[in-house]
Amino acid sequence: MSLLVDGYEEDWGGLWWVRIDGRAQIAEDGPELERCVELLTGRYPQERERPPTGPAIIVRVERWRYWPAA
């Protein structure tokens, strides 16, 4: 699986991207899903009131690459 995140700027000198390659699995219940929800609600307080019920995609990173224009 690959995840790609990029940042766009009108000034092309500010462009960048990050690509993460790894193996993905789906956590539908159990401790792995509980850990995903714990991490999400710890990072985003607005998720604490109504935590997601799953499933979650877990990506085990094997390689990452990046490129900044500047």
N, C-alpha and C. Protein backbone atom coordinates (compact mmCIF):
# COMPACT_ATOMS: atom_id res chain seq x y z
N MET A 1 0.84 -1.17 0.00
CA MET A 1 0.00 0.00 0.00
C MET A 1 0.89 1.23 0.00
N SER A 2 0.45 2.27 -0.67
CA SER A 2 1.16 3.55 -0.66
C SER A 2 0.22 4.65 -0.21
N LEU A 3 0.71 5.54 0.61
CA LEU A 3 0.00 6.75 1.01
C LEU A 3 0.80 7.93 0.48
N LEU A 4 0.12 8.88 -0.13
CA LEU A 4 0.79 10.06 -0.68
C LEU A 4 0.13 11.31 -0.13
N VAL A 5 0.94 12.20 0.42
CA VAL A 5 0.48 13.48 0.91
C VAL A 5 1.30 14.54 0.20
N ASP A 6 0.60 15.57 -0.31
CA ASP A 6 1.35 16.64 -0.96
C ASP A 6 0.87 17.99 -0.47
N GLY A 7 1.75 18.97 -0.60
CA GLY A 7 1.43 20.33 -0.21
C GLY A 7 1.55 21.23 -1.43
N TYR A 8 0.50 21.99 -1.70
CA TYR A 8 0.49 22.87 -2.87
C TYR A 8 0.62 24.32 -2.44
N GLU A 9 1.37 25.06 -3.21
CA GLU A 9 1.52 26.50 -3.00
C GLU A 9 1.43 27.18 -4.36
N GLU A 10 0.88 28.38 -4.40
CA GLU A 10 0.88 29.14 -5.65
C GLU A 10 2.32 29.38 -6.12
N ASP A 11 3.19 29.66 -5.15
CA ASP A 11 4.62 29.77 -5.44
C ASP A 11 5.16 28.35 -5.46
N TRP A 12 5.51 27.85 -6.61
CA TRP A 12 5.92 26.45 -6.76
C TRP A 12 7.16 26.11 -5.94
N GLY A 13 7.85 27.10 -5.44
CA GLY A 13 8.99 26.84 -4.57
C GLY A 13 8.58 26.23 -3.24
N GLY A 14 7.29 26.27 -2.92
CA GLY A 14 6.79 25.71 -1.67
C GLY A 14 6.16 24.33 -1.83
N LEU A 15 6.22 23.75 -3.03
CA LEU A 15 5.63 22.43 -3.24
C LEU A 15 6.42 21.36 -2.50
N TRP A 16 5.74 20.28 -2.08
CA TRP A 16 6.41 19.15 -1.45
C TRP A 16 5.48 17.94 -1.51
N TRP A 17 6.05 16.77 -1.32
CA TRP A 17 5.27 15.55 -1.16
C TRP A 17 6.01 14.55 -0.30
N VAL A 18 5.24 13.66 0.30
CA VAL A 18 5.76 12.54 1.09
C VAL A 18 5.00 11.30 0.66
N ARG A 19 5.72 10.21 0.38
CA ARG A 19 5.08 8.93 0.04
C ARG A 19 5.55 7.87 1.03
N ILE A 20 4.59 7.13 1.58
CA ILE A 20 4.86 6.07 2.53
C ILE A 20 4.41 4.76 1.90
N ASP A 21 5.31 3.79 1.84
CA ASP A 21 4.99 2.46 1.33
C ASP A 21 5.06 1.47 2.48
N GLY A 22 4.13 0.53 2.50
CA GLY A 22 4.15 -0.48 3.56
C GLY A 22 3.05 -1.50 3.39
N ARG A 23 2.95 -2.36 4.35
CA ARG A 23 1.92 -3.39 4.36
C ARG A 23 0.73 -2.88 5.18
N ALA A 24 -0.46 -3.12 4.66
CA ALA A 24 -1.66 -2.65 5.33
C ALA A 24 -2.47 -3.83 5.84
N GLN A 25 -3.17 -3.59 6.94
CA GLN A 25 -4.11 -4.58 7.47
C GLN A 25 -5.31 -3.83 8.03
N ILE A 26 -6.43 -4.50 8.11
CA ILE A 26 -7.64 -3.90 8.65
C ILE A 26 -7.86 -4.45 10.05
N ALA A 27 -8.04 -3.54 11.01
CA ALA A 27 -8.36 -3.91 12.39
C ALA A 27 -9.85 -3.67 12.59
N GLU A 28 -10.61 -4.74 12.76
CA GLU A 28 -12.05 -4.61 12.92
C GLU A 28 -12.49 -4.61 14.38
N ASP A 29 -11.67 -5.22 15.26
CA ASP A 29 -11.98 -5.23 16.68
C ASP A 29 -10.72 -5.63 17.45
N GLY A 30 -10.85 -5.69 18.77
CA GLY A 30 -9.73 -6.13 19.60
C GLY A 30 -8.75 -5.03 19.95
N PRO A 31 -7.60 -5.42 20.52
CA PRO A 31 -6.63 -4.46 21.04
C PRO A 31 -6.05 -3.53 19.98
N GLU A 32 -5.86 -4.01 18.75
CA GLU A 32 -5.29 -3.13 17.72
C GLU A 32 -6.26 -2.00 17.38
N LEU A 33 -7.55 -2.31 17.26
CA LEU A 33 -8.53 -1.25 17.00
C LEU A 33 -8.62 -0.31 18.19
N GLU A 34 -8.61 -0.85 19.39
CA GLU A 34 -8.67 -0.01 20.60
C GLU A 34 -7.49 0.96 20.62
N ARG A 35 -6.31 0.49 20.25
CA ARG A 35 -5.11 1.35 20.22
C ARG A 35 -5.27 2.45 19.17
N CYS A 36 -5.81 2.12 18.02
CA CYS A 36 -6.03 3.12 16.96
C CYS A 36 -6.97 4.22 17.46
N VAL A 37 -8.06 3.83 18.11
CA VAL A 37 -9.03 4.80 18.63
C VAL A 37 -8.38 5.64 19.72
N GLU A 38 -7.58 5.02 20.57
CA GLU A 38 -6.87 5.74 21.64
C GLU A 38 -5.94 6.80 21.04
N LEU A 39 -5.19 6.44 20.03
CA LEU A 39 -4.28 7.40 19.39
C LEU A 39 -5.04 8.54 18.73
N LEU A 40 -6.14 8.21 18.05
CA LEU A 40 -6.93 9.24 17.37
C LEU A 40 -7.56 10.20 18.35
N THR A 41 -8.18 9.67 19.41
CA THR A 41 -8.84 10.55 20.38
C THR A 41 -7.83 11.33 21.22
N GLY A 42 -6.63 10.81 21.37
CA GLY A 42 -5.58 11.55 22.07
C GLY A 42 -5.07 12.71 21.24
N ARG A 43 -5.09 12.57 19.94
CA ARG A 43 -4.58 13.60 19.04
C ARG A 43 -5.63 14.65 18.70
N TYR A 44 -6.88 14.22 18.57
CA TYR A 44 -7.97 15.11 18.15
C TYR A 44 -9.07 15.13 19.19
N PRO A 45 -9.08 16.14 20.07
CA PRO A 45 -10.06 16.20 21.15
C PRO A 45 -11.51 16.12 20.67
N GLN A 46 -11.81 16.64 19.49
CA GLN A 46 -13.19 16.61 19.00
C GLN A 46 -13.69 15.18 18.76
N GLU A 47 -12.79 14.22 18.67
CA GLU A 47 -13.18 12.82 18.48
C GLU A 47 -13.53 12.12 19.80
N ARG A 48 -13.25 12.78 20.92
CA ARG A 48 -13.47 12.13 22.22
C ARG A 48 -14.94 11.96 22.55
N GLU A 49 -15.79 12.92 22.14
CA GLU A 49 -17.21 12.83 22.45
C GLU A 49 -17.87 11.63 21.79
N ARG A 50 -17.52 11.41 20.52
CA ARG A 50 -18.09 10.28 19.76
C ARG A 50 -16.96 9.56 19.05
N PRO A 51 -16.22 8.72 19.74
CA PRO A 51 -15.10 8.02 19.12
C PRO A 51 -15.57 7.14 17.97
N PRO A 52 -14.78 7.01 16.94
CA PRO A 52 -15.15 6.13 15.83
C PRO A 52 -15.25 4.69 16.31
N THR A 53 -16.09 3.92 15.63
CA THR A 53 -16.31 2.54 16.05
C THR A 53 -15.55 1.54 15.19
N GLY A 54 -14.83 1.99 14.20
CA GLY A 54 -14.00 1.10 13.40
C GLY A 54 -14.65 0.77 12.08
N PRO A 55 -14.02 0.03 11.27
CA PRO A 55 -12.68 -0.52 11.38
C PRO A 55 -11.60 0.54 11.13
N ALA A 56 -10.35 0.15 11.29
CA ALA A 56 -9.21 1.04 11.05
C ALA A 56 -8.23 0.35 10.11
N ILE A 57 -7.53 1.14 9.33
CA ILE A 57 -6.46 0.61 8.47
C ILE A 57 -5.14 0.91 9.16
N ILE A 58 -4.34 -0.12 9.37
CA ILE A 58 -3.03 0.02 9.99
C ILE A 58 -1.98 -0.22 8.91
N VAL A 59 -1.08 0.74 8.74
CA VAL A 59 -0.02 0.61 7.74
C VAL A 59 1.31 0.47 8.48
N ARG A 60 1.98 -0.62 8.24
CA ARG A 60 3.32 -0.85 8.80
C ARG A 60 4.32 -0.34 7.77
N VAL A 61 4.95 0.78 8.09
CA VAL A 61 5.82 1.49 7.15
C VAL A 61 7.08 0.67 6.86
N GLU A 62 7.34 0.45 5.58
CA GLU A 62 8.55 -0.23 5.14
C GLU A 62 9.53 0.74 4.47
N ARG A 63 8.98 1.79 3.88
CA ARG A 63 9.84 2.77 3.21
C ARG A 63 9.07 4.07 3.08
N TRP A 64 9.80 5.18 3.17
CA TRP A 64 9.18 6.47 2.89
C TRP A 64 10.15 7.33 2.10
N ARG A 65 9.56 8.16 1.28
CA ARG A 65 10.36 9.09 0.45
C ARG A 65 9.69 10.46 0.51
N TYR A 66 10.48 11.48 0.24
CA TYR A 66 9.92 12.83 0.23
C TYR A 66 10.65 13.67 -0.81
N TRP A 67 9.99 14.77 -1.14
CA TRP A 67 10.61 15.71 -2.07
C TRP A 67 10.10 17.11 -1.75
N PRO A 68 10.99 18.04 -1.44
CA PRO A 68 10.63 19.44 -1.29
C PRO A 68 11.16 20.23 -2.50
N ALA A 69 10.37 21.17 -2.95
CA ALA A 69 10.82 21.99 -4.09
C ALA A 69 11.99 22.91 -3.68
N ALA A 70 11.91 23.39 -2.45
CA ALA A 70 12.93 24.37 -2.01
C ALA A 70 14.18 23.68 -1.50
